[in-house]
């Protein structure tokens, strides 16, 4: 199971970095999204999630699930969605003013 998670995290990170290094805006947005997915998955897996345990301490129960990883990932998803929407609007505005979708604003043939 650990090898599968490591392969998935490595693939998401590799694809994200590759797409961020592209010259057009849409692959850069996709790359940032893949990187945020990789970070969210990493946070969730490192939290050692337990199933069937209460999220807080209850009298008589010695084991509990740590709610911090879920809260961090949920917050990261919301912030990531807002930032993705902002970057898409920003790239659309740059495209309408510069008439191309290159990251640096210069047309390359």
PDB file of N, CA and C in Angstrom:
ATOM      1  N   UNK A   1       0.821  -1.189   0.000  1.00  0.00           N
ATOM      2  CA  UNK A   1       0.000   0.000   0.000  1.00  0.00           C
ATOM      3  C   UNK A   1       0.869   1.259   0.000  1.00  0.00           C
ATOM      4  N   UNK A   2       1.969   1.225   0.775  1.00  0.00           N
ATOM      5  CA  UNK A   2       2.856   2.381   0.839  1.00  0.00           C
ATOM      6  C   UNK A   2       3.499   2.658  -0.512  1.00  0.00           C
ATOM      7  N   UNK A   3       3.842   1.595  -1.244  1.00  0.00           N
ATOM      8  CA  UNK A   3       4.455   1.774  -2.561  1.00  0.00           C
ATOM      9  C   UNK A   3       3.459   2.404  -3.539  1.00  0.00           C
ATOM     10  N   UNK A   4       2.207   1.997  -3.458  1.00  0.00           N
ATOM     11  CA  UNK A   4       1.187   2.577  -4.340  1.00  0.00           C
ATOM     12  C   UNK A   4       0.998   4.062  -4.053  1.00  0.00           C
ATOM     13  N   UNK A   5       0.928   4.423  -2.782  1.00  0.00           N
ATOM     14  CA  UNK A   5       0.783   5.834  -2.408  1.00  0.00           C
ATOM     15  C   UNK A   5       2.003   6.629  -2.863  1.00  0.00           C
ATOM     16  N   UNK A   6       3.201   6.053  -2.694  1.00  0.00           N
ATOM     17  CA  UNK A   6       4.420   6.739  -3.126  1.00  0.00           C
ATOM     18  C   UNK A   6       4.444   6.938  -4.632  1.00  0.00           C
ATOM     19  N   UNK A   7       3.993   5.950  -5.382  1.00  0.00           N
ATOM     20  CA  UNK A   7       3.941   6.078  -6.846  1.00  0.00           C
ATOM     21  C   UNK A   7       2.933   7.137  -7.254  1.00  0.00           C
ATOM     22  N   UNK A   8       1.780   7.155  -6.612  1.00  0.00           N
ATOM     23  CA  UNK A   8       0.759   8.152  -6.937  1.00  0.00           C
ATOM     24  C   UNK A   8       1.257   9.558  -6.605  1.00  0.00           C
ATOM     25  N   UNK A   9       1.848   9.727  -5.430  1.00  0.00           N
ATOM     26  CA  UNK A   9       2.376  11.035  -5.042  1.00  0.00           C
ATOM     27  C   UNK A   9       3.494  11.477  -5.981  1.00  0.00           C
ATOM     28  N   UNK A  10       4.382  10.571  -6.327  1.00  0.00           N
ATOM     29  CA  UNK A  10       5.467  10.893  -7.250  1.00  0.00           C
ATOM     30  C   UNK A  10       4.957  11.260  -8.626  1.00  0.00           C
ATOM     31  N   UNK A  11       3.949  10.531  -9.114  1.00  0.00           N
ATOM     32  CA  UNK A  11       3.385  10.827 -10.433  1.00  0.00           C
ATOM     33  C   UNK A  11       2.690  12.183 -10.452  1.00  0.00           C
ATOM     34  N   UNK A  12       1.899  12.465  -9.435  1.00  0.00           N
ATOM     35  CA  UNK A  12       1.223  13.765  -9.372  1.00  0.00           C
ATOM     36  C   UNK A  12       2.225  14.913  -9.295  1.00  0.00           C
ATOM     37  N   UNK A  13       3.267  14.744  -8.486  1.00  0.00           N
ATOM     38  CA  UNK A  13       4.276  15.790  -8.354  1.00  0.00           C
ATOM     39  C   UNK A  13       5.056  15.967  -9.648  1.00  0.00           C
ATOM     40  N   UNK A  14       5.439  14.867 -10.275  1.00  0.00           N
ATOM     41  CA  UNK A  14       6.188  14.942 -11.525  1.00  0.00           C
ATOM     42  C   UNK A  14       5.367  15.596 -12.623  1.00  0.00           C
ATOM     43  N   UNK A  15       4.125  15.187 -12.770  1.00  0.00           N
ATOM     44  CA  UNK A  15       3.250  15.792 -13.788  1.00  0.00           C
ATOM     45  C   UNK A  15       3.029  17.277 -13.493  1.00  0.00           C
ATOM     46  N   UNK A  16       2.849  17.604 -12.221  1.00  0.00           N
ATOM     47  CA  UNK A  16       2.642  19.000 -11.849  1.00  0.00           C
ATOM     48  C   UNK A  16       3.835  19.872 -12.175  1.00  0.00           C
ATOM     49  N   UNK A  17       5.032  19.412 -11.846  1.00  0.00           N
ATOM     50  CA  UNK A  17       6.237  20.196 -12.129  1.00  0.00           C
ATOM     51  C   UNK A  17       6.453  20.303 -13.633  1.00  0.00           C
ATOM     52  N   UNK A  18       6.240  19.212 -14.360  1.00  0.00           N
ATOM     53  CA  UNK A  18       6.389  19.255 -15.819  1.00  0.00           C
ATOM     54  C   UNK A  18       5.432  20.270 -16.438  1.00  0.00           C
ATOM     55  N   UNK A  19       4.186  20.269 -15.995  1.00  0.00           N
ATOM     56  CA  UNK A  19       3.206  21.188 -16.572  1.00  0.00           C
ATOM     57  C   UNK A  19       3.462  22.634 -16.158  1.00  0.00           C
ATOM     58  N   UNK A  20       3.985  22.852 -14.965  1.00  0.00           N
ATOM     59  CA  UNK A  20       4.302  24.219 -14.543  1.00  0.00           C
ATOM     60  C   UNK A  20       5.406  24.819 -15.412  1.00  0.00           C
ATOM     61  N   UNK A  21       6.300  23.993 -15.906  1.00  0.00           N
ATOM     62  CA  UNK A  21       7.408  24.474 -16.720  1.00  0.00           C
ATOM     63  C   UNK A  21       7.036  24.697 -18.183  1.00  0.00           C
ATOM     64  N   UNK A  22       5.795  24.457 -18.553  1.00  0.00           N
ATOM     65  CA  UNK A  22       5.355  24.683 -19.935  1.00  0.00           C
ATOM     66  C   UNK A  22       5.206  26.181 -20.186  1.00  0.00           C
ATOM     67  N   UNK A  23       5.071  26.571 -21.453  1.00  0.00           N
ATOM     68  CA  UNK A  23       5.049  27.977 -21.809  1.00  0.00           C
ATOM     69  C   UNK A  23       3.676  28.612 -21.896  1.00  0.00           C
ATOM     70  N   UNK A  24       2.630  27.823 -21.852  1.00  0.00           N
ATOM     71  CA  UNK A  24       1.288  28.389 -21.968  1.00  0.00           C
ATOM     72  C   UNK A  24       0.586  28.369 -20.615  1.00  0.00           C
ATOM     73  N   UNK A  25      -0.461  29.173 -20.501  1.00  0.00           N
ATOM     74  CA  UNK A  25      -1.074  29.364 -19.186  1.00  0.00           C
ATOM     75  C   UNK A  25      -1.916  28.169 -18.731  1.00  0.00           C
ATOM     76  N   UNK A  26      -2.649  27.529 -19.641  1.00  0.00           N
ATOM     77  CA  UNK A  26      -3.512  26.429 -19.209  1.00  0.00           C
ATOM     78  C   UNK A  26      -2.726  25.253 -18.628  1.00  0.00           C
ATOM     79  N   UNK A  27      -1.619  24.817 -19.248  1.00  0.00           N
ATOM     80  CA  UNK A  27      -0.826  23.759 -18.595  1.00  0.00           C
ATOM     81  C   UNK A  27      -0.251  24.184 -17.248  1.00  0.00           C
ATOM     82  N   UNK A  28       0.070  25.461 -17.093  1.00  0.00           N
ATOM     83  CA  UNK A  28       0.576  25.932 -15.797  1.00  0.00           C
ATOM     84  C   UNK A  28      -0.514  25.812 -14.734  1.00  0.00           C
ATOM     85  N   UNK A  29      -1.742  26.161 -15.076  1.00  0.00           N
ATOM     86  CA  UNK A  29      -2.852  26.027 -14.122  1.00  0.00           C
ATOM     87  C   UNK A  29      -3.085  24.561 -13.781  1.00  0.00           C
ATOM     88  N   UNK A  30      -3.027  23.684 -14.782  1.00  0.00           N
ATOM     89  CA  UNK A  30      -3.175  22.249 -14.512  1.00  0.00           C
ATOM     90  C   UNK A  30      -2.038  21.730 -13.637  1.00  0.00           C
ATOM     91  N   UNK A  31      -0.824  22.206 -13.871  1.00  0.00           N
ATOM     92  CA  UNK A  31       0.313  21.791 -13.059  1.00  0.00           C
ATOM     93  C   UNK A  31       0.159  22.210 -11.607  1.00  0.00           C
ATOM     94  N   UNK A  32      -0.304  23.429 -11.383  1.00  0.00           N
ATOM     95  CA  UNK A  32      -0.544  23.879 -10.014  1.00  0.00           C
ATOM     96  C   UNK A  32      -1.632  23.047  -9.338  1.00  0.00           C
ATOM     97  N   UNK A  33      -2.631  22.667 -10.114  1.00  0.00           N
ATOM     98  CA  UNK A  33      -3.710  21.830  -9.576  1.00  0.00           C
ATOM     99  C   UNK A  33      -3.181  20.442  -9.199  1.00  0.00           C
ATOM    100  N   UNK A  34      -2.356  19.850 -10.061  1.00  0.00           N
ATOM    101  CA  UNK A  34      -1.775  18.541  -9.744  1.00  0.00           C
ATOM    102  C   UNK A  34      -0.893  18.615  -8.502  1.00  0.00           C
ATOM    103  N   UNK A  35      -0.115  19.691  -8.380  1.00  0.00           N
ATOM    104  CA  UNK A  35       0.722  19.835  -7.198  1.00  0.00           C
ATOM    105  C   UNK A  35      -0.116  19.990  -5.929  1.00  0.00           C
ATOM    106  N   UNK A  36      -1.213  20.721  -6.027  1.00  0.00           N
ATOM    107  CA  UNK A  36      -2.066  20.857  -4.843  1.00  0.00           C
ATOM    108  C   UNK A  36      -2.726  19.523  -4.494  1.00  0.00           C
ATOM    109  N   UNK A  37      -3.098  18.728  -5.498  1.00  0.00           N
ATOM    110  CA  UNK A  37      -3.625  17.391  -5.219  1.00  0.00           C
ATOM    111  C   UNK A  37      -2.579  16.536  -4.519  1.00  0.00           C
ATOM    112  N   UNK A  38      -1.336  16.611  -4.970  1.00  0.00           N
ATOM    113  CA  UNK A  38      -0.270  15.823  -4.356  1.00  0.00           C
ATOM    114  C   UNK A  38      -0.053  16.236  -2.899  1.00  0.00           C
ATOM    115  N   UNK A  39      -0.050  17.530  -2.635  1.00  0.00           N
ATOM    116  CA  UNK A  39       0.148  18.003  -1.264  1.00  0.00           C
ATOM    117  C   UNK A  39      -1.033  17.590  -0.380  1.00  0.00           C
ATOM    118  N   UNK A  40      -2.254  17.714  -0.892  1.00  0.00           N
ATOM    119  CA  UNK A  40      -3.431  17.310  -0.116  1.00  0.00           C
ATOM    120  C   UNK A  40      -3.396  15.817   0.204  1.00  0.00           C
ATOM    121  N   UNK A  41      -3.044  15.014  -0.771  1.00  0.00           N
ATOM    122  CA  UNK A  41      -2.952  13.575  -0.541  1.00  0.00           C
ATOM    123  C   UNK A  41      -1.850  13.257   0.463  1.00  0.00           C
ATOM    124  N   UNK A  42      -0.724  13.960   0.360  1.00  0.00           N
ATOM    125  CA  UNK A  42       0.373  13.753   1.307  1.00  0.00           C
ATOM    126  C   UNK A  42      -0.062  14.096   2.732  1.00  0.00           C
ATOM    127  N   UNK A  43      -0.740  15.228   2.899  1.00  0.00           N
ATOM    128  CA  UNK A  43      -1.214  15.613   4.234  1.00  0.00           C
ATOM    129  C   UNK A  43      -2.198  14.589   4.791  1.00  0.00           C
ATOM    130  N   UNK A  44      -3.098  14.110   3.934  1.00  0.00           N
ATOM    131  CA  UNK A  44      -4.100  13.149   4.381  1.00  0.00           C
ATOM    132  C   UNK A  44      -3.460  11.824   4.782  1.00  0.00           C
ATOM    133  N   UNK A  45      -2.503  11.354   3.990  1.00  0.00           N
ATOM    134  CA  UNK A  45      -1.853  10.078   4.283  1.00  0.00           C
ATOM    135  C   UNK A  45      -0.964  10.179   5.519  1.00  0.00           C
ATOM    136  N   UNK A  46      -0.275  11.288   5.675  1.00  0.00           N
ATOM    137  CA  UNK A  46       0.609  11.453   6.832  1.00  0.00           C
ATOM    138  C   UNK A  46      -0.170  11.623   8.134  1.00  0.00           C
ATOM    139  N   UNK A  47      -1.465  11.913   8.036  1.00  0.00           N
ATOM    140  CA  UNK A  47      -2.289  12.052   9.234  1.00  0.00           C
ATOM    141  C   UNK A  47      -2.681  10.740   9.855  1.00  0.00           C
ATOM    142  N   UNK A  48      -2.342   9.614   9.222  1.00  0.00           N
ATOM    143  CA  UNK A  48      -2.681   8.276   9.723  1.00  0.00           C
ATOM    144  C   UNK A  48      -4.154   8.191  10.094  1.00  0.00           C
ATOM    145  N   UNK A  49      -4.958   8.273   9.082  1.00  0.00           N
ATOM    146  CA  UNK A  49      -6.397   8.258   9.300  1.00  0.00           C
ATOM    147  C   UNK A  49      -6.850   6.911   9.840  1.00  0.00           C
ATOM    148  N   UNK A  50      -7.778   6.962  10.765  1.00  0.00           N
ATOM    149  CA  UNK A  50      -8.359   5.757  11.327  1.00  0.00           C
ATOM    150  C   UNK A  50      -9.844   5.747  11.013  1.00  0.00           C
ATOM    151  N   UNK A  51     -10.366   4.566  10.810  1.00  0.00           N
ATOM    152  CA  UNK A  51     -11.773   4.424  10.453  1.00  0.00           C
ATOM    153  C   UNK A  51     -12.524   3.857  11.656  1.00  0.00           C
ATOM    154  N   UNK A  52     -13.695   4.419  11.925  1.00  0.00           N
ATOM    155  CA  UNK A  52     -14.532   3.910  12.996  1.00  0.00           C
ATOM    156  C   UNK A  52     -14.171   4.422  14.380  1.00  0.00           C
ATOM    157  N   UNK A  53     -13.342   5.438  14.456  1.00  0.00           N
ATOM    158  CA  UNK A  53     -12.970   6.022  15.746  1.00  0.00           C
ATOM    159  C   UNK A  53     -13.592   7.408  15.857  1.00  0.00           C
ATOM    160  N   UNK A  54     -13.941   7.836  17.058  1.00  0.00           N
ATOM    161  CA  UNK A  54     -14.512   9.183  17.203  1.00  0.00           C
ATOM    162  C   UNK A  54     -13.443  10.253  16.958  1.00  0.00           C
ATOM    163  N   UNK A  55     -13.824  11.418  16.410  1.00  0.00           N
ATOM    164  CA  UNK A  55     -12.844  12.459  16.116  1.00  0.00           C
ATOM    165  C   UNK A  55     -12.388  13.235  17.349  1.00  0.00           C
ATOM    166  N   UNK A  56     -13.021  13.026  18.480  1.00  0.00           N
ATOM    167  CA  UNK A  56     -12.625  13.701  19.722  1.00  0.00           C
ATOM    168  C   UNK A  56     -12.547  12.679  20.838  1.00  0.00           C
ATOM    169  N   UNK A  57     -11.946  13.058  21.931  1.00  0.00           N
ATOM    170  CA  UNK A  57     -11.855  12.154  23.074  1.00  0.00           C
ATOM    171  C   UNK A  57     -13.221  12.007  23.745  1.00  0.00           C
ATOM    172  N   UNK A  58     -13.600  10.789  23.967  1.00  0.00           N
ATOM    173  CA  UNK A  58     -14.860  10.470  24.633  1.00  0.00           C
ATOM    174  C   UNK A  58     -14.519   9.638  25.860  1.00  0.00           C
ATOM    175  N   UNK A  59     -15.292   9.808  26.884  1.00  0.00           N
ATOM    176  CA  UNK A  59     -15.046   9.053  28.111  1.00  0.00           C
ATOM    177  C   UNK A  59     -15.137   7.555  27.835  1.00  0.00           C
ATOM    178  N   UNK A  60     -14.130   6.836  28.244  1.00  0.00           N
ATOM    179  CA  UNK A  60     -14.135   5.388  28.072  1.00  0.00           C
ATOM    180  C   UNK A  60     -13.498   4.918  26.771  1.00  0.00           C
ATOM    181  N   UNK A  61     -13.152   5.814  25.880  1.00  0.00           N
ATOM    182  CA  UNK A  61     -12.530   5.446  24.604  1.00  0.00           C
ATOM    183  C   UNK A  61     -11.106   5.979  24.612  1.00  0.00           C
ATOM    184  N   UNK A  62     -10.147   5.075  24.441  1.00  0.00           N
ATOM    185  CA  UNK A  62      -8.745   5.505  24.505  1.00  0.00           C
ATOM    186  C   UNK A  62      -8.203   5.907  23.136  1.00  0.00           C
ATOM    187  N   UNK A  63      -8.792   5.388  22.069  1.00  0.00           N
ATOM    188  CA  UNK A  63      -8.339   5.705  20.711  1.00  0.00           C
ATOM    189  C   UNK A  63      -9.256   6.744  20.084  1.00  0.00           C
ATOM    190  N   UNK A  64      -8.673   7.653  19.329  1.00  0.00           N
ATOM    191  CA  UNK A  64      -9.487   8.637  18.617  1.00  0.00           C
ATOM    192  C   UNK A  64      -8.807   8.984  17.300  1.00  0.00           C
ATOM    193  N   UNK A  65      -9.585   9.513  16.375  1.00  0.00           N
ATOM    194  CA  UNK A  65      -9.062   9.938  15.077  1.00  0.00           C
ATOM    195  C   UNK A  65      -8.655  11.397  15.178  1.00  0.00           C
ATOM    196  N   UNK A  66      -7.478  11.708  14.674  1.00  0.00           N
ATOM    197  CA  UNK A  66      -6.987  13.080  14.710  1.00  0.00           C
ATOM    198  C   UNK A  66      -7.720  13.899  13.642  1.00  0.00           C
ATOM    199  N   UNK A  67      -8.482  14.924  14.028  1.00  0.00           N
ATOM    200  CA  UNK A  67      -9.232  15.698  13.036  1.00  0.00           C
ATOM    201  C   UNK A  67      -8.378  16.740  12.309  1.00  0.00           C
ATOM    202  N   UNK A  68      -7.155  16.973  12.741  1.00  0.00           N
ATOM    203  CA  UNK A  68      -6.324  18.019  12.136  1.00  0.00           C
ATOM    204  C   UNK A  68      -6.009  17.762  10.664  1.00  0.00           C
ATOM    205  N   UNK A  69      -5.624  16.543  10.235  1.00  0.00           N
ATOM    206  CA  UNK A  69      -5.350  16.346   8.807  1.00  0.00           C
ATOM    207  C   UNK A  69      -6.569  16.614   7.924  1.00  0.00           C
ATOM    208  N   UNK A  70      -7.749  16.179   8.369  1.00  0.00           N
ATOM    209  CA  UNK A  70      -8.940  16.433   7.572  1.00  0.00           C
ATOM    210  C   UNK A  70      -9.233  17.924   7.485  1.00  0.00           C
ATOM    211  N   UNK A  71      -9.050  18.631   8.590  1.00  0.00           N
ATOM    212  CA  UNK A  71      -9.294  20.076   8.583  1.00  0.00           C
ATOM    213  C   UNK A  71      -8.290  20.796   7.684  1.00  0.00           C
ATOM    214  N   UNK A  72      -7.028  20.384   7.732  1.00  0.00           N
ATOM    215  CA  UNK A  72      -6.020  21.004   6.874  1.00  0.00           C
ATOM    216  C   UNK A  72      -6.305  20.757   5.396  1.00  0.00           C
ATOM    217  N   UNK A  73      -6.674  19.533   5.053  1.00  0.00           N
ATOM    218  CA  UNK A  73      -6.952  19.209   3.655  1.00  0.00           C
ATOM    219  C   UNK A  73      -8.205  19.933   3.172  1.00  0.00           C
ATOM    220  N   UNK A  74      -9.235  19.987   3.993  1.00  0.00           N
ATOM    221  CA  UNK A  74     -10.445  20.700   3.591  1.00  0.00           C
ATOM    222  C   UNK A  74     -10.154  22.174   3.361  1.00  0.00           C
ATOM    223  N   UNK A  75      -9.375  22.780   4.236  1.00  0.00           N
ATOM    224  CA  UNK A  75      -8.994  24.176   4.061  1.00  0.00           C
ATOM    225  C   UNK A  75      -8.152  24.357   2.813  1.00  0.00           C
ATOM    226  N   UNK A  76      -7.225  23.437   2.564  1.00  0.00           N
ATOM    227  CA  UNK A  76      -6.373  23.528   1.377  1.00  0.00           C
ATOM    228  C   UNK A  76      -7.186  23.365   0.095  1.00  0.00           C
ATOM    229  N   UNK A  77      -8.210  22.524   0.113  1.00  0.00           N
ATOM    230  CA  UNK A  77      -9.061  22.351  -1.068  1.00  0.00           C
ATOM    231  C   UNK A  77      -9.813  23.638  -1.376  1.00  0.00           C
ATOM    232  N   UNK A  78     -10.366  24.264  -0.357  1.00  0.00           N
ATOM    233  CA  UNK A  78     -11.118  25.513  -0.556  1.00  0.00           C
ATOM    234  C   UNK A  78     -10.203  26.621  -1.061  1.00  0.00           C
ATOM    235  N   UNK A  79      -9.033  26.774  -0.443  1.00  0.00           N
ATOM    236  CA  UNK A  79      -8.102  27.810  -0.874  1.00  0.00           C
ATOM    237  C   UNK A  79      -7.573  27.506  -2.274  1.00  0.00           C
ATOM    238  N   UNK A  80      -7.294  26.240  -2.561  1.00  0.00           N
ATOM    239  CA  UNK A  80      -6.828  25.852  -3.897  1.00  0.00           C
ATOM    240  C   UNK A  80      -7.860  26.135  -4.970  1.00  0.00           C
ATOM    241  N   UNK A  81      -9.129  25.883  -4.675  1.00  0.00           N
ATOM    242  CA  UNK A  81     -10.185  26.180  -5.637  1.00  0.00           C
ATOM    243  C   UNK A  81     -10.281  27.671  -5.911  1.00  0.00           C
ATOM    244  N   UNK A  82     -10.197  28.472  -4.860  1.00  0.00           N
ATOM    245  CA  UNK A  82     -10.262  29.931  -5.036  1.00  0.00           C
ATOM    246  C   UNK A  82      -9.067  30.442  -5.825  1.00  0.00           C
ATOM    247  N   UNK A  83      -7.889  29.930  -5.533  1.00  0.00           N
ATOM    248  CA  UNK A  83      -6.696  30.380  -6.259  1.00  0.00           C
ATOM    249  C   UNK A  83      -6.718  29.919  -7.711  1.00  0.00           C
ATOM    250  N   UNK A  84      -7.245  28.736  -7.974  1.00  0.00           N
ATOM    251  CA  UNK A  84      -7.362  28.264  -9.355  1.00  0.00           C
ATOM    252  C   UNK A  84      -8.317  29.148 -10.143  1.00  0.00           C
ATOM    253  N   UNK A  85      -9.439  29.500  -9.542  1.00  0.00           N
ATOM    254  CA  UNK A  85     -10.381  30.403 -10.217  1.00  0.00           C
ATOM    255  C   UNK A  85      -9.733  31.754 -10.478  1.00  0.00           C
ATOM    256  N   UNK A  86      -8.968  32.265  -9.519  1.00  0.00           N
ATOM    257  CA  UNK A  86      -8.289  33.543  -9.688  1.00  0.00           C
ATOM    258  C   UNK A  86      -7.260  33.484 -10.813  1.00  0.00           C
ATOM    259  N   UNK A  87      -6.472  32.420 -10.867  1.00  0.00           N
ATOM    260  CA  UNK A  87      -5.439  32.296 -11.899  1.00  0.00           C
ATOM    261  C   UNK A  87      -6.077  32.133 -13.275  1.00  0.00           C
ATOM    262  N   UNK A  88      -7.191  31.437 -13.372  1.00  0.00           N
ATOM    263  CA  UNK A  88      -7.871  31.296 -14.665  1.00  0.00           C
ATOM    264  C   UNK A  88      -8.400  32.644 -15.142  1.00  0.00           C
ATOM    265  N   UNK A  89      -9.004  33.411 -14.245  1.00  0.00           N
ATOM    266  CA  UNK A  89      -9.499  34.744 -14.617  1.00  0.00           C
ATOM    267  C   UNK A  89      -8.335  35.643 -15.001  1.00  0.00           C
ATOM    268  N   UNK A  90      -7.241  35.556 -14.271  1.00  0.00           N
ATOM    269  CA  UNK A  90      -6.055  36.356 -14.582  1.00  0.00           C
ATOM    270  C   UNK A  90      -5.479  35.988 -15.941  1.00  0.00           C
ATOM    271  N   UNK A  91      -5.434  34.701 -16.258  1.00  0.00           N
ATOM    272  CA  UNK A  91      -4.907  34.285 -17.558  1.00  0.00           C
ATOM    273  C   UNK A  91      -5.853  34.668 -18.690  1.00  0.00           C
ATOM    274  N   UNK A  92      -7.164  34.622 -18.454  1.00  0.00           N
ATOM    275  CA  UNK A  92      -8.106  35.073 -19.481  1.00  0.00           C
ATOM    276  C   UNK A  92      -7.965  36.569 -19.749  1.00  0.00           C
ATOM    277  N   UNK A  93      -7.743  37.350 -18.704  1.00  0.00           N
ATOM    278  CA  UNK A  93      -7.533  38.786 -18.866  1.00  0.00           C
ATOM    279  C   UNK A  93      -6.236  39.056 -19.629  1.00  0.00           C
ATOM    280  N   UNK A  94      -5.182  38.323 -19.303  1.00  0.00           N
ATOM    281  CA  UNK A  94      -3.916  38.488 -20.020  1.00  0.00           C
ATOM    282  C   UNK A  94      -4.064  38.077 -21.473  1.00  0.00           C
ATOM    283  N   UNK A  95      -4.839  37.026 -21.734  1.00  0.00           N
ATOM    284  CA  UNK A  95      -5.064  36.599 -23.112  1.00  0.00           C
ATOM    285  C   UNK A  95      -5.832  37.654 -23.903  1.00  0.00           C
ATOM    286  N   UNK A  96      -6.814  38.271 -23.270  1.00  0.00           N
ATOM    287  CA  UNK A  96      -7.600  39.283 -23.995  1.00  0.00           C
ATOM    288  C   UNK A  96      -6.784  40.545 -24.268  1.00  0.00           C
ATOM    289  N   UNK A  97      -5.830  40.870 -23.403  1.00  0.00           N
ATOM    290  CA  UNK A  97      -5.027  42.075 -23.622  1.00  0.00           C
ATOM    291  C   UNK A  97      -3.802  41.824 -24.488  1.00  0.00           C
ATOM    292  N   UNK A  98      -3.195  40.647 -24.398  1.00  0.00           N
ATOM    293  CA  UNK A  98      -1.969  40.368 -25.140  1.00  0.00           C
ATOM    294  C   UNK A  98      -2.195  39.550 -26.408  1.00  0.00           C
ATOM    295  N   UNK A  99      -3.383  39.017 -26.572  1.00  0.00           N
ATOM    296  CA  UNK A  99      -3.762  38.204 -27.735  1.00  0.00           C
ATOM    297  C   UNK A  99      -2.945  36.917 -27.868  1.00  0.00           C
ATOM    298  N   UNK A 100      -2.363  36.448 -26.797  1.00  0.00           N
ATOM    299  CA  UNK A 100      -1.742  35.124 -26.780  1.00  0.00           C
ATOM    300  C   UNK A 100      -1.814  34.573 -25.365  1.00  0.00           C
ATOM    301  N   UNK A 101      -1.532  33.305 -25.228  1.00  0.00           N
ATOM    302  CA  UNK A 101      -1.645  32.683 -23.906  1.00  0.00           C
ATOM    303  C   UNK A 101      -0.298  32.191 -23.381  1.00  0.00           C
ATOM    304  N   UNK A 102       0.766  32.807 -23.795  1.00  0.00           N
ATOM    305  CA  UNK A 102       2.087  32.440 -23.285  1.00  0.00           C
ATOM    306  C   UNK A 102       2.291  33.047 -21.907  1.00  0.00           C
ATOM    307  N   UNK A 103       3.025  32.347 -21.079  1.00  0.00           N
ATOM    308  CA  UNK A 103       3.209  32.767 -19.701  1.00  0.00           C
ATOM    309  C   UNK A 103       3.973  34.082 -19.632  1.00  0.00           C
ATOM    310  N   UNK A 104       5.003  34.254 -20.456  1.00  0.00           N
ATOM    311  CA  UNK A 104       5.801  35.463 -20.407  1.00  0.00           C
ATOM    312  C   UNK A 104       5.226  36.587 -21.261  1.00  0.00           C
ATOM    313  N   UNK A 105       4.145  36.347 -21.991  1.00  0.00           N
ATOM    314  CA  UNK A 105       3.494  37.385 -22.784  1.00  0.00           C
ATOM    315  C   UNK A 105       4.094  37.573 -24.168  1.00  0.00           C
ATOM    316  N   UNK A 106       5.151  36.829 -24.497  1.00  0.00           N
ATOM    317  CA  UNK A 106       5.794  36.961 -25.797  1.00  0.00           C
ATOM    318  C   UNK A 106       5.335  35.827 -26.698  1.00  0.00           C
ATOM    319  N   UNK A 107       5.172  36.146 -27.952  1.00  0.00           N
ATOM    320  CA  UNK A 107       4.755  35.127 -28.923  1.00  0.00           C
ATOM    321  C   UNK A 107       5.971  34.379 -29.402  1.00  0.00           C
ATOM    322  N   UNK A 108       5.936  33.057 -29.267  1.00  0.00           N
ATOM    323  CA  UNK A 108       7.039  32.208 -29.741  1.00  0.00           C
ATOM    324  C   UNK A 108       6.526  31.350 -30.873  1.00  0.00           C
ATOM    325  N   UNK A 109       7.298  31.259 -31.903  1.00  0.00           N
ATOM    326  CA  UNK A 109       6.881  30.459 -33.057  1.00  0.00           C
ATOM    327  C   UNK A 109       7.374  29.054 -32.972  1.00  0.00           C
TER     328      UNK A 109
END
